[in-house]
């Protein structure tokens, strides 16, 4: 195993890295066991419906992001074969982490007892049951954060019609909170909460909001000017330097709210770039004008939440045909504290993990010393998200963060473009869909200084 040391300069690469979907297509699953009705004939009304509504109801609705709705018995019955295959294989509901990592908030993995009831109901013939019968499976409503106040509303200023040249359209829109005479945010603010208001729910797959510092505003404007229509193409991220993630959302996601004593700093003079990922499977010619509400803290918070990448771009090289290419990155926490210019701080708290690779990814795992924080053993580019830890994990200056990525660059795993199977080629770090990345974006809380 080749271990490449994490360089402090690598942290600067947060500027323009990657598309970072934050997917939450279902409410959090309840950890309490359901009222399992052993020995009884199961029915849709009493047993299957509460489970389908809970795990599938955010995406599988009319004009939703999913390819078909599962809102009533006839729809569920008609999709019985697809449901059985997806649930048995673990593809649905979309939850990628394995149990190896630390406990996570808002977990969407289907509880074993719920899975058994649903599959048993399908096996018994998927009977409808009596209308109005009392459900035997009780699942509490999902935890929801309070709505964002909307101190600043990010609006792209026009309705955008996605490009249909591919199945997915990644588009970045500039939102300047300043004036033509004085662009950028008028003063330093601390983001407390954010809420995305999707306009066309049939195509809005995810939103990532970047802060772009004053030194790179001209670069973003140049990209926007070079393309016709609102915004510019941006597969890998904001597409410019000086960009840092401050908010991420996707289908089913709610308000992103930090603790009362926390805030993410937004520098004076910064603008915002909203990256939209449009999935066009259900596109019917209707455009989109999604907005984002931001709530700022009224006073400087006690702790700052920053998002820092664990990565080593120069060490990523995938040989053509290699079915198990690998990169391992080791990052001393002391280097992160040095990068943050906090000489008097000797520890930090890890609050979230956002893993990221591209199309060839197989597995990705983030750890602290010998402890696994997050492990994904079946990477899917279309189902990425930020994973919040149930309890922050303390990391001291003497600890080591680790990241391990595996890819399949064999012929069998190459894409088909215009009907032609592509040949494998050497792959290195880059923002394009044909390039690759190995990133773990860590949410960390540190004392404000």
Protein backbone atom coordinates (compact mmCIF):
# COMPACT_ATOMS: atom_id res chain seq x y z
CA UNK A 1 0.00 0.00 0.00
CA UNK A 2 1.40 3.37 -1.01
CA UNK A 3 0.59 6.10 1.47
CA UNK A 4 0.85 9.66 0.25
CA UNK A 5 1.18 12.33 2.88
CA UNK A 6 -1.40 15.09 2.80
CA UNK A 7 0.19 18.43 1.91
CA UNK A 8 -1.09 21.66 3.51
CA UNK A 9 -1.27 23.23 0.06
CA UNK A 10 -3.76 20.59 -0.97
CA UNK A 11 -6.33 22.16 1.30
CA UNK A 12 -6.41 25.20 -0.93
CA UNK A 13 -7.91 23.02 -3.65
CA UNK A 14 -11.30 23.50 -1.98
CA UNK A 15 -11.62 26.47 -4.32
CA UNK A 16 -13.00 24.72 -7.38
CA UNK A 17 -13.32 21.05 -6.82
CA UNK A 18 -16.41 19.18 -7.44
CA UNK A 19 -20.12 18.72 -7.72
CA UNK A 20 -21.27 17.85 -4.22
CA UNK A 21 -24.82 16.61 -4.23
CA UNK A 22 -26.50 16.50 -0.87
CA UNK A 23 -29.20 13.92 -1.34
CA UNK A 24 -31.94 13.22 1.14
CA UNK A 25 -34.75 11.62 -0.82
CA UNK A 26 -36.59 10.26 2.19
CA UNK A 27 -37.16 11.32 5.79
CA UNK A 28 -34.95 9.85 8.50
CA UNK A 29 -35.77 6.28 9.34
CA UNK A 30 -37.01 5.50 12.80
CA UNK A 31 -34.70 3.26 14.82
CA UNK A 32 -37.53 1.77 16.89
CA UNK A 33 -38.87 -1.57 15.68
CA UNK A 34 -42.30 -1.48 14.06
CA UNK A 35 -45.35 -3.31 15.31
CA UNK A 36 -44.56 -6.50 13.42
CA UNK A 37 -47.71 -8.54 12.78
CA UNK A 38 -46.28 -12.09 12.68
CA UNK A 39 -48.60 -14.80 11.39
CA UNK A 40 -51.10 -12.36 9.87
CA UNK A 41 -51.97 -11.74 6.25
CA UNK A 42 -50.33 -8.47 5.43
CA UNK A 43 -52.10 -5.70 3.52
CA UNK A 44 -51.19 -2.50 1.75
CA UNK A 45 -53.36 -0.29 3.96
CA UNK A 46 -52.23 -1.68 7.31
CA UNK A 47 -48.64 -2.70 6.64
CA UNK A 48 -47.03 -1.68 3.34
CA UNK A 49 -48.37 1.86 2.89
CA UNK A 50 -46.75 3.38 6.01
CA UNK A 51 -43.41 1.90 4.94
CA UNK A 52 -43.66 3.02 1.31
CA UNK A 53 -44.80 6.50 2.32
CA UNK A 54 -41.95 6.87 4.82
CA UNK A 55 -39.06 5.60 2.72
CA UNK A 56 -40.21 6.49 -0.82
CA UNK A 57 -42.67 9.37 -0.44
CA UNK A 58 -40.31 12.30 -1.01
CA UNK A 59 -39.06 11.19 -4.43
CA UNK A 60 -41.75 8.87 -5.82
CA UNK A 61 -44.55 11.41 -6.19
CA UNK A 62 -46.36 12.91 -9.17
CA UNK A 63 -44.01 15.18 -11.09
CA UNK A 64 -41.23 14.28 -8.67
CA UNK A 65 -37.60 13.44 -9.35
CA UNK A 66 -38.22 9.66 -9.40
CA UNK A 67 -39.29 8.00 -12.69
CA UNK A 68 -42.66 6.87 -11.29
CA UNK A 69 -44.97 7.66 -8.39
CA UNK A 70 -45.77 5.34 -5.47
CA UNK A 71 -48.60 7.35 -3.96
CA UNK A 72 -51.42 4.80 -4.02
CA UNK A 73 -52.06 1.07 -4.09
CA UNK A 74 -52.37 0.71 -7.85
CA UNK A 75 -49.02 2.42 -8.41
CA UNK A 76 -47.27 0.32 -5.78
CA UNK A 77 -48.87 -2.89 -7.06
CA UNK A 78 -47.82 -2.04 -10.62
CA UNK A 79 -44.22 -1.53 -9.54
CA UNK A 80 -44.10 -4.60 -7.29
CA UNK A 81 -41.33 -6.36 -9.22
CA UNK A 82 -39.13 -3.26 -9.32
CA UNK A 83 -39.71 -2.59 -5.62
CA UNK A 84 -38.83 -6.14 -4.64
CA UNK A 85 -35.64 -6.17 -6.72
CA UNK A 86 -34.47 -2.76 -5.51
CA UNK A 87 -35.18 -3.40 -1.83
CA UNK A 88 -33.63 -6.87 -1.84
CA UNK A 89 -30.49 -5.52 -3.54
CA UNK A 90 -30.26 -2.57 -1.15
CA UNK A 91 -30.49 0.00 -3.97
CA UNK A 92 -33.59 1.57 -2.48
CA UNK A 93 -34.06 3.54 -0.39
CA UNK A 94 -30.80 5.23 -1.47
CA UNK A 95 -28.50 4.95 1.55
CA UNK A 96 -24.87 4.11 0.81
CA UNK A 97 -22.98 4.03 4.15
CA UNK A 98 -22.21 0.66 5.70
CA UNK A 99 -22.71 0.01 9.45
CA UNK A 100 -18.93 0.10 9.91
CA UNK A 101 -18.83 3.88 10.44
CA UNK A 102 -20.01 5.97 13.39
CA UNK A 103 -23.77 6.56 13.92
CA UNK A 104 -25.25 9.13 11.53
CA UNK A 105 -28.15 11.55 11.79
CA UNK A 106 -31.10 11.28 9.41
CA UNK A 107 -30.23 7.74 8.34
CA UNK A 108 -32.41 6.55 5.48
CA UNK A 109 -31.49 2.89 5.48
CA UNK A 110 -34.57 0.72 5.72
CA UNK A 111 -34.86 -0.91 9.11
CA UNK A 112 -34.64 -4.74 8.91
CA UNK A 113 -38.12 -5.21 10.38
CA UNK A 114 -39.64 -2.76 7.87
CA UNK A 115 -37.83 -4.47 5.02
CA UNK A 116 -39.14 -7.87 6.07
CA UNK A 117 -42.74 -6.66 6.29
CA UNK A 118 -42.60 -5.03 2.86
CA UNK A 119 -41.04 -8.08 1.18
CA UNK A 120 -43.40 -10.46 2.97
CA UNK A 121 -46.37 -8.40 1.79
CA UNK A 122 -45.13 -8.61 -1.80
CA UNK A 123 -44.50 -12.35 -1.43
CA UNK A 124 -48.03 -12.91 -0.10
CA UNK A 125 -49.53 -11.37 -3.22
CA UNK A 126 -49.59 -7.66 -2.34
CA UNK A 127 -53.20 -7.57 -1.14
CA UNK A 128 -54.82 -4.12 -0.81
CA UNK A 129 -56.62 -4.60 2.51
CA UNK A 130 -59.70 -2.77 3.73
CA UNK A 131 -59.90 0.97 3.09
CA UNK A 132 -59.76 2.93 6.32
CA UNK A 133 -58.26 0.08 8.37
CA UNK A 134 -55.91 1.16 11.13
CA UNK A 135 -52.22 0.79 10.15
CA UNK A 136 -50.29 -1.79 12.12
CA UNK A 137 -46.94 -0.16 11.30
CA UNK A 138 -46.40 3.15 13.05
CA UNK A 139 -43.42 5.29 11.99
CA UNK A 140 -42.98 8.72 13.64
CA UNK A 141 -42.65 11.79 11.46
CA UNK A 142 -39.16 12.83 10.47
CA UNK A 143 -37.25 15.35 12.57
CA UNK A 144 -37.31 18.74 10.90
CA UNK A 145 -35.33 21.90 11.63
CA UNK A 146 -37.06 25.27 11.92
CA UNK A 147 -37.43 27.13 8.64
CA UNK A 148 -34.70 29.60 7.67
CA UNK A 149 -35.63 33.21 8.36
CA UNK A 150 -34.56 34.46 4.93
CA UNK A 151 -32.25 37.36 5.79
CA UNK A 152 -30.95 37.01 2.25
CA UNK A 153 -32.74 35.29 -0.64
CA UNK A 154 -30.59 33.94 -3.47
CA UNK A 155 -32.52 34.19 -6.74
CA UNK A 156 -30.99 33.41 -10.14
CA UNK A 157 -33.07 36.21 -11.65
CA UNK A 158 -34.64 34.26 -14.53
CA UNK A 159 -36.22 30.93 -15.43
CA UNK A 160 -33.60 28.55 -16.80
CA UNK A 161 -34.38 25.95 -19.47
CA UNK A 162 -31.97 23.03 -18.97
CA UNK A 163 -29.84 21.71 -21.78
CA UNK A 164 -31.09 18.35 -23.07
CA UNK A 165 -27.78 17.30 -24.64
CA UNK A 166 -27.23 14.89 -21.74
CA UNK A 167 -29.31 13.21 -19.02
CA UNK A 168 -27.98 15.65 -16.42
CA UNK A 169 -27.31 19.38 -16.61
CA UNK A 170 -24.96 21.05 -14.10
CA UNK A 171 -25.43 24.82 -14.16
CA UNK A 172 -23.96 27.58 -11.99
CA UNK A 173 -25.75 30.87 -11.37
CA UNK A 174 -24.12 33.98 -9.88
CA UNK A 175 -26.00 35.82 -7.15
CA UNK A 176 -24.40 39.10 -6.05
CA UNK A 177 -25.78 40.41 -2.72
CA UNK A 178 -24.13 43.80 -3.28
CA UNK A 179 -24.73 46.62 -5.73
CA UNK A 180 -23.12 47.45 -9.10
CA UNK A 181 -21.12 50.17 -7.40
CA UNK A 182 -20.14 47.92 -4.47
CA UNK A 183 -20.40 44.22 -5.37
CA UNK A 184 -20.35 41.45 -2.82
CA UNK A 185 -21.65 41.00 0.71
CA UNK A 186 -21.53 44.39 2.50
CA UNK A 187 -20.05 42.94 5.71
CA UNK A 188 -18.80 39.76 7.34
CA UNK A 189 -21.76 37.55 8.23
CA UNK A 190 -22.15 34.13 9.91
CA UNK A 191 -24.51 31.68 8.23
CA UNK A 192 -26.77 29.98 10.77
CA UNK A 193 -29.29 28.23 8.50
CA UNK A 194 -30.12 27.74 4.84
CA UNK A 195 -33.20 26.49 3.03
CA UNK A 196 -33.53 25.66 -0.67
CA UNK A 197 -36.92 26.28 -2.31
CA UNK A 198 -36.96 24.11 -5.44
CA UNK A 199 -39.12 25.51 -8.23
CA UNK A 200 -39.46 22.61 -10.69
CA UNK A 201 -39.36 19.57 -8.42
CA UNK A 202 -39.42 17.19 -11.38
CA UNK A 203 -35.88 18.14 -12.40
CA UNK A 204 -34.20 19.86 -9.42
CA UNK A 205 -31.91 17.11 -8.12
CA UNK A 206 -29.51 19.05 -5.91
CA UNK A 207 -28.23 22.51 -5.10
CA UNK A 208 -24.79 23.48 -3.79
CA UNK A 209 -24.21 27.06 -2.68
CA UNK A 210 -20.65 28.35 -2.90
CA UNK A 211 -19.14 31.50 -1.46
CA UNK A 212 -16.74 33.04 -4.00
CA UNK A 213 -14.29 35.57 -2.55
CA UNK A 214 -13.83 39.04 -3.98
CA UNK A 215 -10.56 38.17 -5.71
CA UNK A 216 -12.30 35.65 -8.00
CA UNK A 217 -15.55 37.44 -8.83
CA UNK A 218 -14.23 38.51 -12.23
CA UNK A 219 -13.47 34.87 -13.14
CA UNK A 220 -17.03 33.82 -12.37
CA UNK A 221 -18.47 36.76 -14.31
CA UNK A 222 -16.28 35.89 -17.30
CA UNK A 223 -17.62 32.31 -17.35
CA UNK A 224 -21.18 33.58 -17.11
CA UNK A 225 -20.65 36.09 -19.92
CA UNK A 226 -19.06 33.49 -22.21
CA UNK A 227 -22.22 31.34 -22.35
CA UNK A 228 -25.65 32.26 -23.65
CA UNK A 229 -28.57 32.34 -21.24
CA UNK A 230 -28.50 32.45 -17.44
CA UNK A 231 -25.45 30.94 -15.73
CA UNK A 232 -22.64 28.74 -17.01
CA UNK A 233 -21.79 25.03 -17.23
CA UNK A 234 -20.01 23.67 -14.11
CA UNK A 235 -19.78 19.91 -13.73
CA UNK A 236 -17.07 19.78 -11.06
CA UNK A 237 -18.02 22.65 -8.75
CA UNK A 238 -18.21 26.42 -8.97
CA UNK A 239 -15.59 26.30 -11.71
CA UNK A 240 -13.51 29.16 -10.29
CA UNK A 241 -10.96 29.67 -7.55
CA UNK A 242 -11.83 31.14 -4.17
CA UNK A 243 -15.01 29.05 -3.87
CA UNK A 244 -16.07 27.36 -0.65
CA UNK A 245 -19.20 25.35 0.06
CA UNK A 246 -21.59 26.93 2.55
CA UNK A 247 -24.80 24.96 1.90
CA UNK A 248 -25.94 21.81 0.10
CA UNK A 249 -29.40 20.39 -0.56
CA UNK A 250 -31.17 17.75 -2.63
CA UNK A 251 -34.55 16.14 -3.10
CA UNK A 252 -36.25 15.48 0.22
CA UNK A 253 -33.74 17.56 2.14
CA UNK A 254 -34.95 20.10 4.65
CA UNK A 255 -33.47 23.10 6.37
CA UNK A 256 -29.74 22.98 7.07
CA UNK A 257 -29.47 24.55 10.53
CA UNK A 258 -26.38 24.71 12.72
CA UNK A 259 -26.38 24.71 16.51
CA UNK A 260 -27.19 28.02 18.21
CA UNK A 261 -23.54 28.63 19.08
CA UNK A 262 -22.23 27.83 15.57
CA UNK A 263 -21.97 29.69 12.26
CA UNK A 264 -20.20 29.50 8.91
CA UNK A 265 -18.33 32.74 8.13
CA UNK A 266 -19.12 34.51 4.82
CA UNK A 267 -16.46 37.11 4.08
CA UNK A 268 -17.15 40.73 3.26
CA UNK A 269 -17.11 41.29 -0.52
CA UNK A 270 -18.03 37.69 -1.37
CA UNK A 271 -20.68 36.69 -3.90
CA UNK A 272 -22.64 33.44 -4.11
CA UNK A 273 -22.71 30.83 -6.84
CA UNK A 274 -25.66 28.42 -6.85
CA UNK A 275 -24.83 25.17 -8.60
CA UNK A 276 -27.95 23.36 -9.82
CA UNK A 277 -27.95 19.73 -10.83
CA UNK A 278 -30.91 19.05 -13.11
CA UNK A 279 -31.83 15.42 -13.75
CA UNK A 280 -33.83 15.38 -16.97
CA UNK A 281 -35.51 11.98 -16.80
CA UNK A 282 -38.84 13.69 -16.14
CA UNK A 283 -38.18 16.94 -18.03
CA UNK A 284 -41.29 18.11 -19.87
CA UNK A 285 -40.09 21.47 -21.18
CA UNK A 286 -40.82 23.41 -17.98
CA UNK A 287 -37.91 25.54 -16.75
CA UNK A 288 -36.71 26.22 -13.21
CA UNK A 289 -36.10 29.22 -10.96
CA UNK A 290 -35.05 27.73 -7.63
CA UNK A 291 -34.35 30.08 -4.72
CA UNK A 292 -32.35 29.71 -1.50
CA UNK A 293 -33.09 31.44 1.82
CA UNK A 294 -30.14 32.23 4.09
CA UNK A 295 -30.39 33.08 7.78
CA UNK A 296 -27.49 34.84 9.47
CA UNK A 297 -26.56 34.92 13.16
CA UNK A 298 -27.34 38.23 14.86
CA UNK A 299 -24.09 38.07 16.86
CA UNK A 300 -20.74 36.34 16.19
CA UNK A 301 -21.03 32.67 17.21
CA UNK A 302 -18.84 30.88 19.71
CA UNK A 303 -17.79 28.24 17.15
CA UNK A 304 -17.09 28.45 13.44
CA UNK A 305 -18.12 25.59 11.17
CA UNK A 306 -15.73 25.28 8.25
CA UNK A 307 -15.68 22.71 5.44
CA UNK A 308 -12.20 21.38 4.76
CA UNK A 309 -11.16 18.84 2.10
CA UNK A 310 -9.00 15.81 2.69
CA UNK A 311 -7.34 15.10 -0.68
CA UNK A 312 -4.13 14.77 -2.67
CA UNK A 313 -4.72 15.66 -6.35
CA UNK A 314 -1.14 14.96 -7.46
CA UNK A 315 -1.29 11.41 -6.12
CA UNK A 316 -4.36 10.34 -8.12
CA UNK A 317 -3.38 8.23 -11.16
CA UNK A 318 -5.59 5.42 -12.51
CA UNK A 319 -3.98 3.17 -15.08
CA UNK A 320 -6.05 2.14 -18.10
CA UNK A 321 -7.67 -1.26 -17.48
CA UNK A 322 -7.02 -1.34 -13.73
CA UNK A 323 -10.16 -2.81 -12.12
CA UNK A 324 -9.05 -1.87 -8.59
CA UNK A 325 -7.07 1.34 -8.73
CA UNK A 326 -6.45 2.82 -5.29
CA UNK A 327 -5.34 5.97 -3.50
CA UNK A 328 -4.66 6.39 0.21
CA UNK A 329 -4.29 9.83 1.78
CA UNK A 330 -3.09 10.48 5.34
CA UNK A 331 -3.61 13.93 6.89
CA UNK A 332 -2.15 14.97 10.26
CA UNK A 333 -4.72 17.05 12.14
CA UNK A 334 -1.83 19.32 13.13
CA UNK A 335 -1.47 20.33 9.47
CA UNK A 336 -5.14 21.28 9.28
CA UNK A 337 -4.82 23.47 12.38
CA UNK A 338 -1.73 25.05 10.87
CA UNK A 339 -3.61 25.74 7.64
CA UNK A 340 -6.38 27.39 9.67
CA UNK A 341 -3.76 29.60 11.35
CA UNK A 342 -4.87 28.64 14.83
CA UNK A 343 -1.61 28.06 16.73
CA UNK A 344 -3.31 28.00 20.12
CA UNK A 345 -5.95 25.43 19.15
CA UNK A 346 -4.98 21.79 19.72
CA UNK A 347 -8.17 20.01 18.70
CA UNK A 348 -11.26 20.25 16.53
CA UNK A 349 -14.66 18.56 16.34
CA UNK A 350 -15.67 16.69 13.18
CA UNK A 351 -19.40 17.21 12.62
CA UNK A 352 -19.98 15.85 9.09
CA UNK A 353 -18.36 13.97 6.21
CA UNK A 354 -19.05 14.47 2.52
CA UNK A 355 -17.25 11.89 0.31
CA UNK A 356 -16.80 12.54 -3.40
CA UNK A 357 -15.58 10.65 -6.47
CA UNK A 358 -16.74 10.56 -10.10
CA UNK A 359 -18.07 7.86 -12.43
CA UNK A 360 -15.38 5.19 -11.96
CA UNK A 361 -15.60 5.13 -8.16
CA UNK A 362 -16.15 1.83 -6.30
CA UNK A 363 -15.55 2.44 -2.59
CA UNK A 364 -14.54 5.33 -0.34
CA UNK A 365 -13.76 5.36 3.38
CA UNK A 366 -12.82 8.14 5.80
CA UNK A 367 -11.26 7.47 9.18
CA UNK A 368 -9.56 8.97 12.20
CA UNK A 369 -6.61 6.88 13.39
CA UNK A 370 -8.07 3.34 13.58
CA UNK A 371 -11.70 4.50 13.79
CA UNK A 372 -13.87 4.51 10.65
CA UNK A 373 -16.00 7.63 10.41
CA UNK A 374 -17.80 6.84 7.14
CA UNK A 375 -17.56 3.85 4.83
CA UNK A 376 -19.26 3.39 1.45
CA UNK A 377 -18.68 0.08 -0.29
CA UNK A 378 -20.82 0.63 -3.43
CA UNK A 379 -20.23 4.16 -4.67
CA UNK A 380 -22.91 5.77 -6.84
CA UNK A 381 -22.23 9.17 -8.35
CA UNK A 382 -25.93 10.06 -8.45
CA UNK A 383 -26.49 9.47 -4.73
CA UNK A 384 -24.00 11.69 -2.93
CA UNK A 385 -24.65 13.74 0.17
CA UNK A 386 -23.29 15.25 3.36
CA UNK A 387 -23.52 12.81 6.26
CA UNK A 388 -23.98 14.42 9.68
CA UNK A 389 -22.58 12.57 12.68
CA UNK A 390 -24.93 11.91 15.57
CA UNK A 391 -22.17 13.05 17.93
CA UNK A 392 -19.15 15.18 16.96
CA UNK A 393 -15.88 13.26 16.91
CA UNK A 394 -12.97 14.94 18.69
CA UNK A 395 -9.67 15.08 16.83
CA UNK A 396 -6.47 16.31 18.48
CA UNK A 397 -3.32 17.68 16.88
CA UNK A 398 -1.59 14.32 17.30
CA UNK A 399 -4.27 12.37 15.38
CA UNK A 400 -4.25 11.26 11.74
CA UNK A 401 -7.14 11.50 9.29
CA UNK A 402 -7.24 8.87 6.56
CA UNK A 403 -9.00 8.59 3.21
CA UNK A 404 -9.01 5.56 0.91
CA UNK A 405 -10.62 5.45 -2.55
CA UNK A 406 -10.96 2.57 -5.03
CA UNK A 407 -11.95 2.81 -8.71
CA UNK A 408 -12.78 0.42 -11.54
CA UNK A 409 -11.04 1.63 -14.71
CA UNK A 410 -11.53 -1.62 -16.61
CA UNK A 411 -13.07 -1.87 -20.06
CA UNK A 412 -16.31 -3.27 -18.59
CA UNK A 413 -16.83 -0.13 -16.51
CA UNK A 414 -16.33 2.43 -19.30
CA UNK A 415 -19.28 4.59 -20.45
CA UNK A 416 -21.06 4.28 -23.78
CA UNK A 417 -21.15 7.58 -25.68
CA UNK A 418 -23.18 7.98 -28.88
CA UNK A 419 -23.60 4.22 -29.01
CA UNK A 420 -19.87 3.56 -28.82
CA UNK A 421 -18.27 1.78 -25.86
CA UNK A 422 -15.30 3.86 -24.76
CA UNK A 423 -11.82 2.40 -24.34
CA UNK A 424 -10.05 2.68 -20.97
CA UNK A 425 -7.42 5.40 -20.65
CA UNK A 426 -5.16 6.70 -17.90
CA UNK A 427 -7.18 8.97 -15.60
CA UNK A 428 -5.91 11.75 -13.35
CA UNK A 429 -7.46 14.41 -11.11
CA UNK A 430 -9.84 16.83 -12.79
CA UNK A 431 -13.30 18.39 -12.78
CA UNK A 432 -14.61 16.79 -15.97
CA UNK A 433 -16.85 13.74 -16.05
CA UNK A 434 -14.01 11.76 -17.63
CA UNK A 435 -11.61 12.74 -14.85
CA UNK A 436 -11.65 11.51 -11.26
CA UNK A 437 -11.43 12.75 -7.68
CA UNK A 438 -10.90 11.34 -4.21
CA UNK A 439 -12.20 13.82 -1.63
CA UNK A 440 -13.60 13.75 1.86
CA UNK A 441 -15.03 17.15 2.76
CA UNK A 442 -15.09 17.43 6.54
CA UNK A 443 -17.36 19.74 8.48
CA UNK A 444 -15.34 20.91 11.48
CA UNK A 445 -16.27 23.12 14.40
CA UNK A 446 -13.56 25.30 15.95
CA UNK A 447 -13.50 28.16 18.44
CA UNK A 448 -13.95 31.54 16.79
CA UNK A 449 -10.72 33.56 16.81
